[in-house]
Amino acid sequence: MTSPIGTSAAAIGLSGMRVAQLRLDVGAHNTANAQTPGFQRQRVVQIAQAGSGGVEARVEREAEVAGENGDMNHLAEDLVGGKMALYSFAANLQVVKTEQDMLGTLFDERA
């Protein structure tokens, strides 16, 4: 399936930004509910968009269910995952900015 936002570097960067935001959201959700009895953690599954570049993602529930005291075993994993998502977001934002700068320079040269 082709992405509706196209195949430009900016489109690829935007898809990466969306996935990074989703990872942050899921990590925050897991952290906020870690002490909830019976809570099922969520995880993000990324799918490469063949041919058009970029990435799509979906959220899945993990099979493991937290016990009566919750599940604090994955807290470090969620914190590190959040930091990685922030860096991923920043890197993809830089891709979008770079394409905008290149297009701006191209238009300036043609004017």
N, C-alpha and C. Protein backbone atom coordinates (compact mmCIF):
# COMPACT_ATOMS: atom_id res chain seq x y z
N MET A 1 0.84 -1.17 0.00
CA MET A 1 0.00 0.00 0.00
C MET A 1 0.89 1.24 0.00
N THR A 2 0.63 2.17 -0.87
CA THR A 2 1.43 3.38 -0.98
C THR A 2 0.95 4.42 0.02
N SER A 3 1.91 5.10 0.60
CA SER A 3 1.59 6.14 1.58
C SER A 3 0.92 7.32 0.89
N PRO A 4 -0.13 7.90 1.50
CA PRO A 4 -0.80 9.04 0.88
C PRO A 4 0.05 10.30 0.90
N ILE A 5 1.15 10.32 1.67
CA ILE A 5 1.95 11.54 1.73
C ILE A 5 3.10 11.54 0.74
N GLY A 6 3.25 10.49 -0.05
CA GLY A 6 4.25 10.49 -1.10
C GLY A 6 5.54 9.79 -0.72
N THR A 7 6.54 9.94 -1.61
CA THR A 7 7.80 9.24 -1.43
C THR A 7 8.98 10.18 -1.26
N SER A 8 8.76 11.44 -1.04
CA SER A 8 9.87 12.37 -0.87
C SER A 8 10.58 12.11 0.45
N ALA A 9 11.76 12.71 0.58
CA ALA A 9 12.50 12.58 1.84
C ALA A 9 11.66 13.09 3.00
N ALA A 10 10.91 14.17 2.77
CA ALA A 10 10.06 14.71 3.84
C ALA A 10 8.98 13.72 4.23
N ALA A 11 8.40 13.03 3.25
CA ALA A 11 7.36 12.05 3.54
C ALA A 11 7.92 10.89 4.36
N ILE A 12 9.13 10.47 4.01
CA ILE A 12 9.78 9.40 4.76
C ILE A 12 10.07 9.87 6.18
N GLY A 13 10.58 11.10 6.31
CA GLY A 13 10.86 11.66 7.63
C GLY A 13 9.60 11.80 8.47
N LEU A 14 8.51 12.24 7.83
CA LEU A 14 7.24 12.39 8.56
C LEU A 14 6.72 11.05 9.05
N SER A 15 6.86 10.01 8.23
CA SER A 15 6.40 8.70 8.69
C SER A 15 7.22 8.24 9.89
N GLY A 16 8.52 8.51 9.87
CA GLY A 16 9.37 8.18 11.01
C GLY A 16 9.00 8.96 12.25
N MET A 17 8.63 10.23 12.06
CA MET A 17 8.21 11.06 13.20
C MET A 17 6.93 10.51 13.82
N ARG A 18 6.00 10.06 12.97
CA ARG A 18 4.74 9.49 13.48
C ARG A 18 5.00 8.24 14.31
N VAL A 19 5.89 7.39 13.83
CA VAL A 19 6.21 6.16 14.56
C VAL A 19 6.90 6.49 15.88
N ALA A 20 7.82 7.45 15.85
CA ALA A 20 8.50 7.85 17.09
C ALA A 20 7.50 8.38 18.11
N GLN A 21 6.53 9.17 17.66
CA GLN A 21 5.50 9.69 18.56
C GLN A 21 4.66 8.54 19.13
N LEU A 22 4.34 7.58 18.28
CA LEU A 22 3.56 6.42 18.74
C LEU A 22 4.35 5.64 19.79
N ARG A 23 5.65 5.48 19.59
CA ARG A 23 6.49 4.79 20.57
C ARG A 23 6.50 5.53 21.91
N LEU A 24 6.57 6.86 21.86
CA LEU A 24 6.50 7.65 23.09
C LEU A 24 5.17 7.44 23.79
N ASP A 25 4.09 7.48 23.02
CA ASP A 25 2.75 7.31 23.59
C ASP A 25 2.59 5.94 24.26
N VAL A 26 3.04 4.90 23.58
CA VAL A 26 2.91 3.55 24.12
C VAL A 26 3.78 3.38 25.36
N GLY A 27 4.99 3.92 25.33
CA GLY A 27 5.86 3.85 26.51
C GLY A 27 5.25 4.56 27.70
N ALA A 28 4.66 5.73 27.47
CA ALA A 28 4.01 6.47 28.55
C ALA A 28 2.81 5.69 29.09
N HIS A 29 2.05 5.09 28.19
CA HIS A 29 0.90 4.28 28.59
C HIS A 29 1.34 3.10 29.46
N ASN A 30 2.40 2.42 29.03
CA ASN A 30 2.90 1.28 29.80
C ASN A 30 3.42 1.71 31.17
N THR A 31 4.13 2.82 31.22
CA THR A 31 4.68 3.31 32.49
C THR A 31 3.56 3.74 33.43
N ALA A 32 2.57 4.45 32.91
CA ALA A 32 1.48 4.94 33.74
C ALA A 32 0.64 3.80 34.33
N ASN A 33 0.58 2.69 33.63
CA ASN A 33 -0.26 1.58 34.08
C ASN A 33 0.53 0.41 34.66
N ALA A 34 1.82 0.59 34.89
CA ALA A 34 2.68 -0.52 35.33
C ALA A 34 2.22 -1.15 36.63
N GLN A 35 1.62 -0.38 37.53
CA GLN A 35 1.19 -0.93 38.82
C GLN A 35 -0.28 -1.34 38.83
N THR A 36 -0.90 -1.35 37.68
CA THR A 36 -2.30 -1.76 37.59
C THR A 36 -2.39 -3.28 37.51
N PRO A 37 -3.08 -3.91 38.45
CA PRO A 37 -3.23 -5.37 38.41
C PRO A 37 -3.92 -5.80 37.11
N GLY A 38 -3.39 -6.83 36.49
CA GLY A 38 -4.00 -7.37 35.27
C GLY A 38 -3.69 -6.58 34.01
N PHE A 39 -2.83 -5.57 34.11
CA PHE A 39 -2.51 -4.74 32.95
C PHE A 39 -1.72 -5.53 31.91
N GLN A 40 -2.07 -5.34 30.63
CA GLN A 40 -1.31 -5.93 29.53
C GLN A 40 -0.53 -4.82 28.85
N ARG A 41 0.79 -4.98 28.83
CA ARG A 41 1.64 -3.99 28.17
C ARG A 41 1.33 -3.94 26.68
N GLN A 42 1.65 -2.81 26.07
CA GLN A 42 1.53 -2.66 24.63
C GLN A 42 2.92 -2.55 24.03
N ARG A 43 3.01 -2.84 22.75
CA ARG A 43 4.27 -2.65 22.03
C ARG A 43 3.96 -2.17 20.62
N VAL A 44 4.93 -1.48 20.04
CA VAL A 44 4.79 -0.96 18.69
C VAL A 44 5.50 -1.90 17.73
N VAL A 45 4.80 -2.26 16.67
CA VAL A 45 5.38 -3.09 15.62
C VAL A 45 5.51 -2.22 14.38
N GLN A 46 6.74 -2.11 13.85
CA GLN A 46 6.99 -1.29 12.67
C GLN A 46 6.96 -2.16 11.42
N ILE A 47 6.43 -1.58 10.33
CA ILE A 47 6.35 -2.27 9.05
C ILE A 47 6.92 -1.33 8.00
N ALA A 48 7.97 -1.78 7.29
CA ALA A 48 8.56 -0.97 6.23
C ALA A 48 7.58 -0.85 5.08
N GLN A 49 7.51 0.34 4.48
CA GLN A 49 6.66 0.57 3.33
C GLN A 49 7.47 0.29 2.07
N ALA A 50 7.34 -0.91 1.55
CA ALA A 50 8.12 -1.32 0.39
C ALA A 50 7.81 -0.43 -0.81
N GLY A 51 8.86 -0.01 -1.48
CA GLY A 51 8.68 0.77 -2.70
C GLY A 51 8.54 2.26 -2.49
N SER A 52 7.85 2.66 -1.44
CA SER A 52 7.63 4.10 -1.24
C SER A 52 8.51 4.67 -0.14
N GLY A 53 9.21 3.82 0.59
CA GLY A 53 10.04 4.31 1.69
C GLY A 53 9.18 4.60 2.90
N GLY A 54 9.81 4.93 3.97
CA GLY A 54 9.08 5.24 5.18
C GLY A 54 8.68 4.00 5.95
N VAL A 55 7.84 4.21 6.94
CA VAL A 55 7.46 3.12 7.83
C VAL A 55 6.05 3.35 8.34
N GLU A 56 5.34 2.26 8.57
CA GLU A 56 4.05 2.30 9.24
C GLU A 56 4.20 1.56 10.55
N ALA A 57 3.27 1.75 11.45
CA ALA A 57 3.35 1.06 12.74
C ALA A 57 1.95 0.72 13.24
N ARG A 58 1.92 -0.30 14.07
CA ARG A 58 0.66 -0.65 14.74
C ARG A 58 0.98 -1.02 16.18
N VAL A 59 -0.01 -0.91 17.03
CA VAL A 59 0.14 -1.22 18.45
C VAL A 59 -0.47 -2.59 18.70
N GLU A 60 0.28 -3.42 19.41
CA GLU A 60 -0.21 -4.75 19.80
C GLU A 60 -0.10 -4.90 21.31
N ARG A 61 -0.94 -5.75 21.86
CA ARG A 61 -0.85 -6.07 23.28
C ARG A 61 0.07 -7.28 23.45
N GLU A 62 0.87 -7.24 24.51
CA GLU A 62 1.72 -8.38 24.81
C GLU A 62 0.88 -9.45 25.51
N ALA A 63 1.30 -10.69 25.38
CA ALA A 63 0.53 -11.80 25.96
C ALA A 63 0.61 -11.82 27.48
N GLU A 64 1.72 -11.37 28.03
CA GLU A 64 1.94 -11.40 29.48
C GLU A 64 1.01 -10.42 30.19
N VAL A 65 0.36 -10.88 31.24
CA VAL A 65 -0.54 -10.05 32.04
C VAL A 65 0.11 -9.79 33.40
N ALA A 66 0.04 -8.54 33.86
CA ALA A 66 0.64 -8.18 35.16
C ALA A 66 -0.11 -8.87 36.29
N GLY A 67 0.63 -9.21 37.33
CA GLY A 67 0.03 -9.84 38.51
C GLY A 67 -0.72 -8.83 39.36
N GLU A 68 -1.07 -9.23 40.56
CA GLU A 68 -1.89 -8.37 41.43
C GLU A 68 -1.14 -7.12 41.90
N ASN A 69 0.19 -7.13 41.85
CA ASN A 69 0.97 -5.96 42.24
C ASN A 69 1.45 -5.15 41.04
N GLY A 70 0.98 -5.49 39.87
CA GLY A 70 1.41 -4.79 38.67
C GLY A 70 2.70 -5.39 38.12
N ASP A 71 3.35 -4.65 37.22
CA ASP A 71 4.57 -5.13 36.56
C ASP A 71 5.55 -3.98 36.43
N MET A 72 6.51 -3.92 37.34
CA MET A 72 7.53 -2.88 37.30
C MET A 72 8.81 -3.38 36.63
N ASN A 73 8.81 -4.60 36.12
CA ASN A 73 10.00 -5.20 35.54
C ASN A 73 10.43 -4.55 34.23
N HIS A 74 9.52 -3.87 33.56
CA HIS A 74 9.83 -3.30 32.25
C HIS A 74 10.02 -1.79 32.29
N LEU A 75 10.11 -1.21 33.47
CA LEU A 75 10.22 0.25 33.59
C LEU A 75 11.47 0.78 32.89
N ALA A 76 12.61 0.16 33.12
CA ALA A 76 13.85 0.62 32.47
C ALA A 76 13.74 0.51 30.96
N GLU A 77 13.14 -0.56 30.49
CA GLU A 77 12.94 -0.75 29.05
C GLU A 77 12.10 0.38 28.46
N ASP A 78 11.04 0.77 29.16
CA ASP A 78 10.18 1.86 28.69
C ASP A 78 10.90 3.20 28.70
N LEU A 79 11.72 3.43 29.72
CA LEU A 79 12.45 4.70 29.80
C LEU A 79 13.50 4.80 28.69
N VAL A 80 14.23 3.74 28.46
CA VAL A 80 15.22 3.73 27.38
C VAL A 80 14.52 3.83 26.02
N GLY A 81 13.42 3.12 25.86
CA GLY A 81 12.65 3.19 24.62
C GLY A 81 12.14 4.59 24.35
N GLY A 82 11.75 5.31 25.40
CA GLY A 82 11.30 6.69 25.24
C GLY A 82 12.43 7.59 24.78
N LYS A 83 13.60 7.40 25.34
CA LYS A 83 14.77 8.19 24.93
C LYS A 83 15.13 7.91 23.48
N MET A 84 15.08 6.63 23.10
CA MET A 84 15.36 6.26 21.70
C MET A 84 14.33 6.88 20.76
N ALA A 85 13.07 6.92 21.17
CA ALA A 85 12.03 7.51 20.34
C ALA A 85 12.26 9.01 20.17
N LEU A 86 12.72 9.68 21.23
CA LEU A 86 13.02 11.11 21.12
C LEU A 86 14.13 11.36 20.11
N TYR A 87 15.19 10.56 20.17
CA TYR A 87 16.29 10.71 19.21
C TYR A 87 15.83 10.39 17.79
N SER A 88 14.99 9.39 17.64
CA SER A 88 14.45 9.04 16.34
C SER A 88 13.61 10.18 15.78
N PHE A 89 12.78 10.77 16.64
CA PHE A 89 11.95 11.90 16.21
C PHE A 89 12.83 13.04 15.72
N ALA A 90 13.87 13.38 16.50
CA ALA A 90 14.76 14.48 16.15
C ALA A 90 15.49 14.20 14.83
N ALA A 91 15.94 12.97 14.63
CA ALA A 91 16.64 12.62 13.39
C ALA A 91 15.71 12.74 12.18
N ASN A 92 14.48 12.26 12.33
CA ASN A 92 13.53 12.35 11.22
C ASN A 92 13.10 13.78 10.96
N LEU A 93 13.01 14.59 12.00
CA LEU A 93 12.72 16.01 11.83
C LEU A 93 13.83 16.68 11.03
N GLN A 94 15.07 16.30 11.28
CA GLN A 94 16.20 16.86 10.54
C GLN A 94 16.12 16.50 9.06
N VAL A 95 15.64 15.31 8.74
CA VAL A 95 15.44 14.91 7.34
C VAL A 95 14.44 15.84 6.67
N VAL A 96 13.34 16.12 7.35
CA VAL A 96 12.31 17.01 6.80
C VAL A 96 12.89 18.41 6.59
N LYS A 97 13.60 18.92 7.59
CA LYS A 97 14.20 20.25 7.49
C LYS A 97 15.22 20.32 6.36
N THR A 98 16.01 19.28 6.20
CA THR A 98 17.02 19.27 5.14
C THR A 98 16.37 19.32 3.77
N GLU A 99 15.29 18.56 3.57
CA GLU A 99 14.62 18.63 2.27
C GLU A 99 14.03 20.01 2.04
N GLN A 100 13.46 20.62 3.06
CA GLN A 100 12.92 21.97 2.91
C GLN A 100 14.02 22.96 2.54
N ASP A 101 15.17 22.84 3.19
CA ASP A 101 16.30 23.72 2.87
C ASP A 101 16.77 23.52 1.44
N MET A 102 16.84 22.26 1.00
CA MET A 102 17.28 21.98 -0.37
C MET A 102 16.29 22.54 -1.38
N LEU A 103 15.00 22.38 -1.13
CA LEU A 103 14.00 22.92 -2.04
C LEU A 103 14.03 24.44 -2.05
N GLY A 104 14.23 25.05 -0.89
CA GLY A 104 14.32 26.50 -0.81
C GLY A 104 15.50 27.02 -1.61
N THR A 105 16.64 26.35 -1.52
CA THR A 105 17.82 26.74 -2.28
C THR A 105 17.57 26.58 -3.77
N LEU A 106 16.92 25.48 -4.16
CA LEU A 106 16.61 25.25 -5.56
C LEU A 106 15.71 26.35 -6.10
N PHE A 107 14.68 26.72 -5.35
CA PHE A 107 13.77 27.77 -5.80
C PHE A 107 14.47 29.12 -5.85
N ASP A 108 15.38 29.38 -4.92
CA ASP A 108 16.14 30.63 -4.93
C ASP A 108 17.02 30.72 -6.18
N GLU A 109 17.62 29.59 -6.58
CA GLU A 109 18.49 29.56 -7.75
C GLU A 109 17.69 29.80 -9.03
N ARG A 110 16.47 29.32 -9.07
CA ARG A 110 15.64 29.46 -10.27
C ARG A 110 14.97 30.82 -10.37
N ALA A 111 14.89 31.53 -9.27
CA ALA A 111 14.19 32.83 -9.27
C ALA A 111 15.04 33.92 -9.87
